[in-house]
Full PDB file with SEQRES, HELIX, SHEET, SSBOND, CRYST1, ORIGX, SCALE, CONECT and MASTER records, all heavy atoms in Angstrom:
SEQRES   1 A   34  LYS LEU SER ASP GLU GLY TYR ILE ASN ARG LYS MET PHE          
SEQRES   2 A   34  ASN VAL GLU GLY THR LYS ASN MET TYR VAL TYR PHE LEU          
SEQRES   3 A   34  ASP LYS GLN PRO LYS LYS LYS LEU                              
SHEET    1 AA1 2 ASN A   9  ASN A  14  0                                        
SHEET    2 AA1 2 ASN A  20  PHE A  25 -1                                        
CRYST1    1.000    1.000    1.000  90.00  90.00  90.00 P 1           1          
ORIGX1      1.000000  0.000000  0.000000        0.00000                         
ORIGX2      0.000000  1.000000  0.000000        0.00000                         
ORIGX3      0.000000  0.000000  1.000000        0.00000                         
SCALE1      1.000000  0.000000  0.000000        0.00000                         
SCALE2      0.000000  1.000000  0.000000        0.00000                         
SCALE3      0.000000  0.000000  1.000000        0.00000                         
ATOM      1  N   LYS A   1       0.835  -1.205   0.001  1.00  0.00           N  
ATOM      2  CA  LYS A   1       0.000   0.000   0.000  1.00  0.00           C  
ATOM      3  C   LYS A   1       0.871   1.258  -0.001  1.00  0.00           C  
ATOM      4  O   LYS A   1       0.622   2.202  -0.767  1.00  0.00           O  
ATOM      5  CB  LYS A   1      -0.930  -0.014   1.214  1.00  0.00           C  
ATOM      6  CG  LYS A   1      -1.897   1.165   1.286  1.00  0.00           C  
ATOM      7  CD  LYS A   1      -2.809   1.018   2.487  1.00  0.00           C  
ATOM      8  CE  LYS A   1      -3.865   2.057   2.667  1.00  0.00           C  
ATOM      9  NZ  LYS A   1      -3.766   3.314   2.034  1.00  0.00           N  
ATOM     10  N   LEU A   2       1.890   1.275   0.841  1.00  0.00           N  
ATOM     11  CA  LEU A   2       2.798   2.426   0.880  1.00  0.00           C  
ATOM     12  C   LEU A   2       3.515   2.615  -0.458  1.00  0.00           C  
ATOM     13  O   LEU A   2       3.741   3.739  -0.907  1.00  0.00           O  
ATOM     14  CB  LEU A   2       3.809   2.277   2.018  1.00  0.00           C  
ATOM     15  CG  LEU A   2       3.236   2.436   3.429  1.00  0.00           C  
ATOM     16  CD1 LEU A   2       4.271   2.018   4.472  1.00  0.00           C  
ATOM     17  CD2 LEU A   2       2.765   3.855   3.684  1.00  0.00           C  
ATOM     18  N   SER A   3       3.851   1.508  -1.097  1.00  0.00           N  
ATOM     19  CA  SER A   3       4.494   1.569  -2.405  1.00  0.00           C  
ATOM     20  C   SER A   3       3.516   2.049  -3.475  1.00  0.00           C  
ATOM     21  O   SER A   3       3.834   2.937  -4.271  1.00  0.00           O  
ATOM     22  CB  SER A   3       5.048   0.186  -2.777  1.00  0.00           C  
ATOM     23  OG  SER A   3       5.591   0.206  -4.072  1.00  0.00           O  
ATOM     24  N   ASP A   4       2.319   1.484  -3.479  1.00  0.00           N  
ATOM     25  CA  ASP A   4       1.303   1.879  -4.460  1.00  0.00           C  
ATOM     26  C   ASP A   4       0.953   3.362  -4.349  1.00  0.00           C  
ATOM     27  O   ASP A   4       0.655   4.019  -5.351  1.00  0.00           O  
ATOM     28  CB  ASP A   4       0.031   1.044  -4.292  1.00  0.00           C  
ATOM     29  CG  ASP A   4       0.214  -0.412  -4.720  1.00  0.00           C  
ATOM     30  OD1 ASP A   4       1.241  -0.724  -5.367  1.00  0.00           O  
ATOM     31  OD2 ASP A   4      -0.664  -1.234  -4.389  1.00  0.00           O  
ATOM     32  N   GLU A   5       0.987   3.900  -3.128  1.00  0.00           N  
ATOM     33  CA  GLU A   5       0.649   5.306  -2.908  1.00  0.00           C  
ATOM     34  C   GLU A   5       1.844   6.245  -3.094  1.00  0.00           C  
ATOM     35  O   GLU A   5       1.721   7.456  -2.910  1.00  0.00           O  
ATOM     36  CB  GLU A   5       0.026   5.481  -1.524  1.00  0.00           C  
ATOM     37  CG  GLU A   5      -1.336   4.805  -1.419  1.00  0.00           C  
ATOM     38  CD  GLU A   5      -1.962   4.906  -0.038  1.00  0.00           C  
ATOM     39  OE1 GLU A   5      -1.315   5.463   0.884  1.00  0.00           O  
ATOM     40  OE2 GLU A   5      -3.091   4.416   0.123  1.00  0.00           O  
ATOM     41  N   GLY A   6       3.016   5.677  -3.428  1.00  0.00           N  
ATOM     42  CA  GLY A   6       4.182   6.488  -3.752  1.00  0.00           C  
ATOM     43  C   GLY A   6       5.018   6.943  -2.571  1.00  0.00           C  
ATOM     44  O   GLY A   6       5.926   7.752  -2.728  1.00  0.00           O  
ATOM     45  N   TYR A   7       4.740   6.430  -1.378  1.00  0.00           N  
ATOM     46  CA  TYR A   7       5.536   6.810  -0.211  1.00  0.00           C  
ATOM     47  C   TYR A   7       6.893   6.115  -0.200  1.00  0.00           C  
ATOM     48  O   TYR A   7       7.867   6.664   0.313  1.00  0.00           O  
ATOM     49  CB  TYR A   7       4.794   6.482   1.087  1.00  0.00           C  
ATOM     50  CG  TYR A   7       3.579   7.339   1.317  1.00  0.00           C  
ATOM     51  CD1 TYR A   7       2.303   6.844   1.090  1.00  0.00           C  
ATOM     52  CD2 TYR A   7       3.704   8.652   1.752  1.00  0.00           C  
ATOM     53  CE1 TYR A   7       1.178   7.627   1.288  1.00  0.00           C  
ATOM     54  CE2 TYR A   7       2.595   9.454   1.954  1.00  0.00           C  
ATOM     55  CZ  TYR A   7       1.326   8.927   1.715  1.00  0.00           C  
ATOM     56  OH  TYR A   7       0.235   9.718   1.910  1.00  0.00           O  
ATOM     57  N   ILE A   8       6.934   4.893  -0.695  1.00  0.00           N  
ATOM     58  CA  ILE A   8       8.178   4.120  -0.741  1.00  0.00           C  
ATOM     59  C   ILE A   8       8.271   3.446  -2.108  1.00  0.00           C  
ATOM     60  O   ILE A   8       7.302   3.410  -2.867  1.00  0.00           O  
ATOM     61  CB  ILE A   8       8.260   3.055   0.390  1.00  0.00           C  
ATOM     62  CG1 ILE A   8       7.159   1.995   0.248  1.00  0.00           C  
ATOM     63  CG2 ILE A   8       8.194   3.727   1.758  1.00  0.00           C  
ATOM     64  CD1 ILE A   8       7.267   0.848   1.244  1.00  0.00           C  
ATOM     65  N   ASN A   9       9.441   2.917  -2.398  1.00  0.00           N  
ATOM     66  CA  ASN A   9       9.668   2.165  -3.636  1.00  0.00           C  
ATOM     67  C   ASN A   9       9.943   0.719  -3.284  1.00  0.00           C  
ATOM     68  O   ASN A   9      10.419   0.419  -2.184  1.00  0.00           O  
ATOM     69  CB  ASN A   9      10.865   2.745  -4.392  1.00  0.00           C  
ATOM     70  CG  ASN A   9      10.649   4.178  -4.780  1.00  0.00           C  
ATOM     71  OD1 ASN A   9       9.726   4.497  -5.511  1.00  0.00           O  
ATOM     72  ND2 ASN A   9      11.490   5.065  -4.265  1.00  0.00           N  
ATOM     73  N   ARG A  10       9.693  -0.161  -4.234  1.00  0.00           N  
ATOM     74  CA  ARG A  10      10.035  -1.561  -4.039  1.00  0.00           C  
ATOM     75  C   ARG A  10      10.440  -2.156  -5.370  1.00  0.00           C  
ATOM     76  O   ARG A  10       9.970  -1.734  -6.426  1.00  0.00           O  
ATOM     77  CB  ARG A  10       8.901  -2.351  -3.402  1.00  0.00           C  
ATOM     78  CG  ARG A  10       7.738  -2.641  -4.308  1.00  0.00           C  
ATOM     79  CD  ARG A  10       6.690  -3.464  -3.575  1.00  0.00           C  
ATOM     80  NE  ARG A  10       5.667  -3.888  -4.523  1.00  0.00           N  
ATOM     81  CZ  ARG A  10       4.762  -4.786  -4.266  1.00  0.00           C  
ATOM     82  NH1 ARG A  10       4.732  -5.390  -3.089  1.00  0.00           N  
ATOM     83  NH2 ARG A  10       3.862  -5.114  -5.163  1.00  0.00           N  
ATOM     84  N   LYS A  11      11.332  -3.129  -5.268  1.00  0.00           N  
ATOM     85  CA  LYS A  11      11.791  -3.826  -6.463  1.00  0.00           C  
ATOM     86  C   LYS A  11      12.234  -5.220  -6.054  1.00  0.00           C  
ATOM     87  O   LYS A  11      12.767  -5.411  -4.960  1.00  0.00           O  
ATOM     88  CB  LYS A  11      12.944  -3.071  -7.113  1.00  0.00           C  
ATOM     89  CG  LYS A  11      13.378  -3.702  -8.415  1.00  0.00           C  
ATOM     90  CD  LYS A  11      14.356  -2.869  -9.170  1.00  0.00           C  
ATOM     91  CE  LYS A  11      14.682  -3.647 -10.440  1.00  0.00           C  
ATOM     92  NZ  LYS A  11      15.616  -3.006 -11.278  1.00  0.00           N  
ATOM     93  N   MET A  12      12.030  -6.165  -6.942  1.00  0.00           N  
ATOM     94  CA  MET A  12      12.470  -7.546  -6.705  1.00  0.00           C  
ATOM     95  C   MET A  12      13.977  -7.654  -6.927  1.00  0.00           C  
ATOM     96  O   MET A  12      14.500  -7.151  -7.918  1.00  0.00           O  
ATOM     97  CB  MET A  12      11.778  -8.510  -7.668  1.00  0.00           C  
ATOM     98  CG  MET A  12      10.385  -8.822  -7.294  1.00  0.00           C  
ATOM     99  SD  MET A  12      10.390 -10.094  -6.030  1.00  0.00           S  
ATOM    100  CE  MET A  12       8.755 -10.719  -6.252  1.00  0.00           C  
ATOM    101  N   PHE A  13      14.641  -8.286  -5.981  1.00  0.00           N  
ATOM    102  CA  PHE A  13      16.076  -8.557  -6.098  1.00  0.00           C  
ATOM    103  C   PHE A  13      16.340  -9.974  -5.620  1.00  0.00           C  
ATOM    104  O   PHE A  13      15.632 -10.487  -4.752  1.00  0.00           O  
ATOM    105  CB  PHE A  13      16.900  -7.593  -5.226  1.00  0.00           C  
ATOM    106  CG  PHE A  13      16.980  -6.206  -5.757  1.00  0.00           C  
ATOM    107  CD1 PHE A  13      16.149  -5.215  -5.264  1.00  0.00           C  
ATOM    108  CD2 PHE A  13      17.906  -5.874  -6.730  1.00  0.00           C  
ATOM    109  CE1 PHE A  13      16.224  -3.920  -5.736  1.00  0.00           C  
ATOM    110  CE2 PHE A  13      17.994  -4.578  -7.210  1.00  0.00           C  
ATOM    111  CZ  PHE A  13      17.148  -3.599  -6.708  1.00  0.00           C  
ATOM    112  N   ASN A  14      17.397 -10.567  -6.149  1.00  0.00           N  
ATOM    113  CA  ASN A  14      17.879 -11.846  -5.654  1.00  0.00           C  
ATOM    114  C   ASN A  14      18.846 -11.516  -4.526  1.00  0.00           C  
ATOM    115  O   ASN A  14      19.894 -10.924  -4.746  1.00  0.00           O  
ATOM    116  CB  ASN A  14      18.581 -12.618  -6.776  1.00  0.00           C  
ATOM    117  CG  ASN A  14      19.006 -13.990  -6.340  1.00  0.00           C  
ATOM    118  OD1 ASN A  14      19.863 -14.132  -5.477  1.00  0.00           O  
ATOM    119  ND2 ASN A  14      18.414 -15.008  -6.936  1.00  0.00           N  
ATOM    120  N   VAL A  15      18.455 -11.877  -3.304  1.00  0.00           N  
ATOM    121  CA  VAL A  15      19.261 -11.544  -2.132  1.00  0.00           C  
ATOM    122  C   VAL A  15      19.895 -12.817  -1.602  1.00  0.00           C  
ATOM    123  O   VAL A  15      19.208 -13.771  -1.264  1.00  0.00           O  
ATOM    124  CB  VAL A  15      18.386 -10.882  -1.038  1.00  0.00           C  
ATOM    125  CG1 VAL A  15      19.208 -10.572   0.190  1.00  0.00           C  
ATOM    126  CG2 VAL A  15      17.731  -9.628  -1.577  1.00  0.00           C  
ATOM    127  N   GLU A  16      21.237 -12.817  -1.548  1.00  0.00           N  
ATOM    128  CA  GLU A  16      22.013 -13.950  -1.025  1.00  0.00           C  
ATOM    129  C   GLU A  16      21.638 -15.272  -1.674  1.00  0.00           C  
ATOM    130  O   GLU A  16      21.543 -16.300  -1.016  1.00  0.00           O  
ATOM    131  CB  GLU A  16      21.849 -14.063   0.491  1.00  0.00           C  
ATOM    132  CG  GLU A  16      22.594 -13.014   1.242  1.00  0.00           C  
ATOM    133  CD  GLU A  16      22.636 -13.316   2.728  1.00  0.00           C  
ATOM    134  OE1 GLU A  16      22.346 -14.442   3.149  1.00  0.00           O  
ATOM    135  OE2 GLU A  16      22.980 -12.405   3.477  1.00  0.00           O  
ATOM    136  N   GLY A  17      21.396 -15.257  -2.964  1.00  0.00           N  
ATOM    137  CA  GLY A  17      21.108 -16.498  -3.673  1.00  0.00           C  
ATOM    138  C   GLY A  17      19.755 -17.099  -3.354  1.00  0.00           C  
ATOM    139  O   GLY A  17      19.462 -18.218  -3.749  1.00  0.00           O  
ATOM    140  N   THR A  18      18.911 -16.379  -2.630  1.00  0.00           N  
ATOM    141  CA  THR A  18      17.573 -16.877  -2.336  1.00  0.00           C  
ATOM    142  C   THR A  18      16.682 -16.582  -3.532  1.00  0.00           C  
ATOM    143  O   THR A  18      17.104 -15.952  -4.498  1.00  0.00           O  
ATOM    144  CB  THR A  18      16.960 -16.171  -1.099  1.00  0.00           C  
ATOM    145  OG1 THR A  18      16.802 -14.787  -1.410  1.00  0.00           O  
ATOM    146  CG2 THR A  18      17.830 -16.335   0.121  1.00  0.00           C  
ATOM    147  N   LYS A  19      15.454 -17.002  -3.422  1.00  0.00           N  
ATOM    148  CA  LYS A  19      14.520 -16.602  -4.469  1.00  0.00           C  
ATOM    149  C   LYS A  19      14.394 -15.089  -4.436  1.00  0.00           C  
ATOM    150  O   LYS A  19      14.753 -14.437  -3.461  1.00  0.00           O  
ATOM    151  CB  LYS A  19      13.172 -17.276  -4.256  1.00  0.00           C  
ATOM    152  CG  LYS A  19      12.492 -16.866  -2.967  1.00  0.00           C  
ATOM    153  CD  LYS A  19      11.183 -17.573  -2.786  1.00  0.00           C  
ATOM    154  CE  LYS A  19      10.550 -17.066  -1.492  1.00  0.00           C  
ATOM    155  NZ  LYS A  19       9.302 -17.643  -1.206  1.00  0.00           N  
ATOM    156  N   ASN A  20      13.857 -14.538  -5.493  1.00  0.00           N  
ATOM    157  CA  ASN A  20      13.687 -13.091  -5.533  1.00  0.00           C  
ATOM    158  C   ASN A  20      12.759 -12.639  -4.422  1.00  0.00           C  
ATOM    159  O   ASN A  20      11.798 -13.318  -4.078  1.00  0.00           O  
ATOM    160  CB  ASN A  20      13.126 -12.668  -6.890  1.00  0.00           C  
ATOM    161  CG  ASN A  20      14.169 -12.762  -7.971  1.00  0.00           C  
ATOM    162  OD1 ASN A  20      15.355 -12.807  -7.702  1.00  0.00           O  
ATOM    163  ND2 ASN A  20      13.728 -12.796  -9.208  1.00  0.00           N  
ATOM    164  N   MET A  21      13.082 -11.490  -3.836  1.00  0.00           N  
ATOM    165  CA  MET A  21      12.225 -10.903  -2.813  1.00  0.00           C  
ATOM    166  C   MET A  21      12.177  -9.403  -3.025  1.00  0.00           C  
ATOM    167  O   MET A  21      13.081  -8.818  -3.612  1.00  0.00           O  
ATOM    168  CB  MET A  21      12.743 -11.228  -1.408  1.00  0.00           C  
ATOM    169  CG  MET A  21      14.055 -10.580  -1.051  1.00  0.00           C  
ATOM    170  SD  MET A  21      14.557 -10.775   0.677  1.00  0.00           S  
ATOM    171  CE  MET A  21      14.687 -12.509   0.853  1.00  0.00           C  
ATOM    172  N   TYR A  22      11.101  -8.800  -2.520  1.00  0.00           N  
ATOM    173  CA  TYR A  22      11.000  -7.355  -2.606  1.00  0.00           C  
ATOM    174  C   TYR A  22      11.949  -6.708  -1.608  1.00  0.00           C  
ATOM    175  O   TYR A  22      12.045  -7.116  -0.462  1.00  0.00           O  
ATOM    176  CB  TYR A  22       9.577  -6.876  -2.296  1.00  0.00           C  
ATOM    177  CG  TYR A  22       8.631  -7.003  -3.456  1.00  0.00           C  
ATOM    178  CD1 TYR A  22       7.549  -7.864  -3.398  1.00  0.00           C  
ATOM    179  CD2 TYR A  22       8.820  -6.244  -4.614  1.00  0.00           C  
ATOM    180  CE1 TYR A  22       6.671  -7.976  -4.463  1.00  0.00           C  
ATOM    181  CE2 TYR A  22       7.955  -6.347  -5.677  1.00  0.00           C  
ATOM    182  CZ  TYR A  22       6.876  -7.210  -5.603  1.00  0.00           C  
ATOM    183  OH  TYR A  22       6.011  -7.322  -6.660  1.00  0.00           O  
ATOM    184  N   VAL A  23      12.620  -5.679  -2.090  1.00  0.00           N  
ATOM    185  CA  VAL A  23      13.439  -4.818  -1.252  1.00  0.00           C  
ATOM    186  C   VAL A  23      12.794  -3.437  -1.328  1.00  0.00           C  
ATOM    187  O   VAL A  23      12.455  -2.954  -2.417  1.00  0.00           O  
ATOM    188  CB  VAL A  23      14.907  -4.787  -1.740  1.00  0.00           C  
ATOM    189  CG1 VAL A  23      15.711  -3.760  -0.977  1.00  0.00           C  
ATOM    190  CG2 VAL A  23      15.532  -6.170  -1.620  1.00  0.00           C  
ATOM    191  N   TYR A  24      12.599  -2.840  -0.162  1.00  0.00           N  
ATOM    192  CA  TYR A  24      11.912  -1.551  -0.066  1.00  0.00           C  
ATOM    193  C   TYR A  24      12.932  -0.459   0.216  1.00  0.00           C  
ATOM    194  O   TYR A  24      13.864  -0.662   0.994  1.00  0.00           O  
ATOM    195  CB  TYR A  24      10.861  -1.607   1.051  1.00  0.00           C  
ATOM    196  CG  TYR A  24       9.831  -2.683   0.784  1.00  0.00           C  
ATOM    197  CD1 TYR A  24      10.024  -3.986   1.225  1.00  0.00           C  
ATOM    198  CD2 TYR A  24       8.687  -2.400   0.049  1.00  0.00           C  
ATOM    199  CE1 TYR A  24       9.101  -4.987   0.949  1.00  0.00           C  
ATOM    200  CE2 TYR A  24       7.755  -3.395  -0.226  1.00  0.00           C  
ATOM    201  CZ  TYR A  24       7.967  -4.680   0.220  1.00  0.00           C  
ATOM    202  OH  TYR A  24       7.058  -5.663  -0.063  1.00  0.00           O  
ATOM    203  N   PHE A  25      12.735   0.686  -0.425  1.00  0.00           N  
ATOM    204  CA  PHE A  25      13.668   1.797  -0.269  1.00  0.00           C  
ATOM    205  C   PHE A  25      12.918   3.098  -0.502  1.00  0.00           C  
ATOM    206  O   PHE A  25      11.831   3.108  -1.075  1.00  0.00           O  
ATOM    207  CB  PHE A  25      14.861   1.645  -1.215  1.00  0.00           C  
ATOM    208  CG  PHE A  25      14.495   1.407  -2.660  1.00  0.00           C  
ATOM    209  CD1 PHE A  25      14.477   2.450  -3.561  1.00  0.00           C  
ATOM    210  CD2 PHE A  25      14.164   0.130  -3.113  1.00  0.00           C  
ATOM    211  CE1 PHE A  25      14.135   2.245  -4.885  1.00  0.00           C  
ATOM    212  CE2 PHE A  25      13.830  -0.095  -4.433  1.00  0.00           C  
ATOM    213  CZ  PHE A  25      13.808   0.966  -5.334  1.00  0.00           C  
ATOM    214  N   LEU A  26      13.513   4.212  -0.043  1.00  0.00           N  
ATOM    215  CA  LEU A  26      12.830   5.500  -0.135  1.00  0.00           C  
ATOM    216  C   LEU A  26      13.145   6.264  -1.408  1.00  0.00           C  
ATOM    217  O   LEU A  26      12.264   6.749  -2.072  1.00  0.00           O  
ATOM    218  CB  LEU A  26      13.188   6.385   1.055  1.00  0.00           C  
ATOM    219  CG  LEU A  26      12.520   6.042   2.370  1.00  0.00           C  
ATOM    220  CD1 LEU A  26      12.933   7.035   3.433  1.00  0.00           C  
ATOM    221  CD2 LEU A  26      11.011   6.018   2.240  1.00  0.00           C  
ATOM    222  N   ASP A  27      14.410   6.406  -1.709  1.00  0.00           N  
ATOM    223  CA  ASP A  27      14.765   7.275  -2.812  1.00  0.00           C  
ATOM    224  C   ASP A  27      15.354   6.482  -3.960  1.00  0.00           C  
ATOM    225  O   ASP A  27      14.683   5.641  -4.518  1.00  0.00           O  
ATOM    226  CB  ASP A  27      15.683   8.410  -2.345  1.00  0.00           C  
ATOM    227  CG  ASP A  27      16.595   7.987  -1.202  1.00  0.00           C  
ATOM    228  OD1 ASP A  27      17.143   6.883  -1.261  1.00  0.00           O  
ATOM    229  OD2 ASP A  27      16.766   8.768  -0.248  1.00  0.00           O  
ATOM    230  N   LYS A  28      16.603   6.710  -4.282  1.00  0.00           N  
ATOM    231  CA  LYS A  28      17.166   6.029  -5.441  1.00  0.00           C  
ATOM    232  C   LYS A  28      17.328   4.536  -5.183  1.00  0.00           C  
ATOM    233  O   LYS A  28      17.566   4.099  -4.057  1.00  0.00           O  
ATOM    234  CB  LYS A  28      18.485   6.666  -5.863  1.00  0.00           C  
ATOM    235  CG  LYS A  28      19.599   6.575  -4.849  1.00  0.00           C  
ATOM    236  CD  LYS A  28      20.835   7.280  -5.350  1.00  0.00           C  
ATOM    237  CE  LYS A  28      21.937   7.146  -4.316  1.00  0.00           C  
ATOM    238  NZ  LYS A  28      23.155   7.764  -4.723  1.00  0.00           N  
ATOM    239  N   GLN A  29      17.204   3.793  -6.258  1.00  0.00           N  
ATOM    240  CA  GLN A  29      17.289   2.338  -6.185  1.00  0.00           C  
ATOM    241  C   GLN A  29      18.674   1.912  -5.695  1.00  0.00           C  
ATOM    242  O   GLN A  29      19.681   2.437  -6.147  1.00  0.00           O  
ATOM    243  CB  GLN A  29      17.038   1.759  -7.581  1.00  0.00           C  
ATOM    244  CG  GLN A  29      17.111   0.259  -7.637  1.00  0.00           C  
ATOM    245  CD  GLN A  29      16.754  -0.258  -9.022  1.00  0.00           C  
ATOM    246  OE1 GLN A  29      15.734   0.113  -9.565  1.00  0.00           O  
ATOM    247  NE2 GLN A  29      17.607  -1.085  -9.577  1.00  0.00           N  
ATOM    248  N   PRO A  30      18.714   0.965  -4.755  1.00  0.00           N  
ATOM    249  CA  PRO A  30      20.026   0.511  -4.262  1.00  0.00           C  
ATOM    250  C   PRO A  30      20.809  -0.201  -5.360  1.00  0.00           C  
ATOM    251  O   PRO A  30      20.231  -0.790  -6.272  1.00  0.00           O  
ATOM    252  CB  PRO A  30      19.675  -0.453  -3.127  1.00  0.00           C  
ATOM    253  CG  PRO A  30      18.225  -0.731  -3.244  1.00  0.00           C  
ATOM    254  CD  PRO A  30      17.606   0.287  -4.120  1.00  0.00           C  
ATOM    255  N   LYS A  31      22.119  -0.124  -5.242  1.00  0.00           N  
ATOM    256  CA  LYS A  31      22.976  -0.831  -6.203  1.00  0.00           C  
ATOM    257  C   LYS A  31      22.890  -2.322  -5.934  1.00  0.00           C  
ATOM    258  O   LYS A  31      22.986  -2.765  -4.785  1.00  0.00           O  
ATOM    259  CB  LYS A  31      24.416  -0.344  -6.084  1.00  0.00           C  
ATOM    260  CG  LYS A  31      24.577   1.083  -6.500  1.00  0.00           C  
ATOM    261  CD  LYS A  31      26.012   1.545  -6.380  1.00  0.00           C  
ATOM    262  CE  LYS A  31      26.088   2.992  -6.803  1.00  0.00           C  
ATOM    263  NZ  LYS A  31      27.371   3.587  -6.541  1.00  0.00           N  
ATOM    264  N   LYS A  32      22.734  -3.079  -6.978  1.00  0.00           N  
ATOM    265  CA  LYS A  32      22.527  -4.522  -6.875  1.00  0.00           C  
ATOM    266  C   LYS A  32      23.630  -5.205  -6.069  1.00  0.00           C  
ATOM    267  O   LYS A  32      23.368  -6.055  -5.223  1.00  0.00           O  
ATOM    268  CB  LYS A  32      22.444  -5.112  -8.284  1.00  0.00           C  
ATOM    269  CG  LYS A  32      21.964  -6.510  -8.348  1.00  0.00           C  
ATOM    270  CD  LYS A  32      21.782  -6.945  -9.793  1.00  0.00           C  
ATOM    271  CE  LYS A  32      21.248  -8.350  -9.853  1.00  0.00           C  
ATOM    272  NZ  LYS A  32      21.026  -8.776 -11.240  1.00  0.00           N  
ATOM    273  N   LYS A  33      24.879  -4.792  -6.288  1.00  0.00           N  
ATOM    274  CA  LYS A  33      25.988  -5.461  -5.603  1.00  0.00           C  
ATOM    275  C   LYS A  33      26.085  -5.085  -4.117  1.00  0.00           C  
ATOM    276  O   LYS A  33      26.781  -5.745  -3.358  1.00  0.00           O  
ATOM    277  CB  LYS A  33      27.312  -5.205  -6.320  1.00  0.00           C  
ATOM    278  CG  LYS A  33      27.795  -3.781  -6.254  1.00  0.00           C  
ATOM    279  CD  LYS A  33      29.123  -3.643  -6.977  1.00  0.00           C  
ATOM    280  CE  LYS A  33      29.688  -2.263  -6.754  1.00  0.00           C  
ATOM    281  NZ  LYS A  33      31.039  -2.149  -7.247  1.00  0.00           N  
ATOM    282  N   LEU A  34      25.385  -4.024  -3.688  1.00  0.00           N  
ATOM    283  CA  LEU A  34      25.448  -3.595  -2.291  1.00  0.00           C  
ATOM    284  C   LEU A  34      24.208  -3.955  -1.479  1.00  0.00           C  
ATOM    285  O   LEU A  34      24.159  -3.687  -0.285  1.00  0.00           O  
ATOM    286  CB  LEU A  34      25.662  -2.086  -2.211  1.00  0.00           C  
ATOM    287  CG  LEU A  34      27.010  -1.576  -2.693  1.00  0.00           C  
ATOM    288  CD1 LEU A  34      27.060  -0.061  -2.626  1.00  0.00           C  
ATOM    289  CD2 LEU A  34      28.140  -2.189  -1.885  1.00  0.00           C  
TER     290      LEU A  34                                                      
MASTER        0    0    0    0    2    0    0    6  289    1    0    3          
END                                                                             
């Protein structure tokens, strides 16, 4: 809901070799390697 309303951002990432999961962030998209 917070993402849909534009308060936060979310994107699917592969974290630690797991299945893809949403990562939530406020401003610019995090760098994949970090």
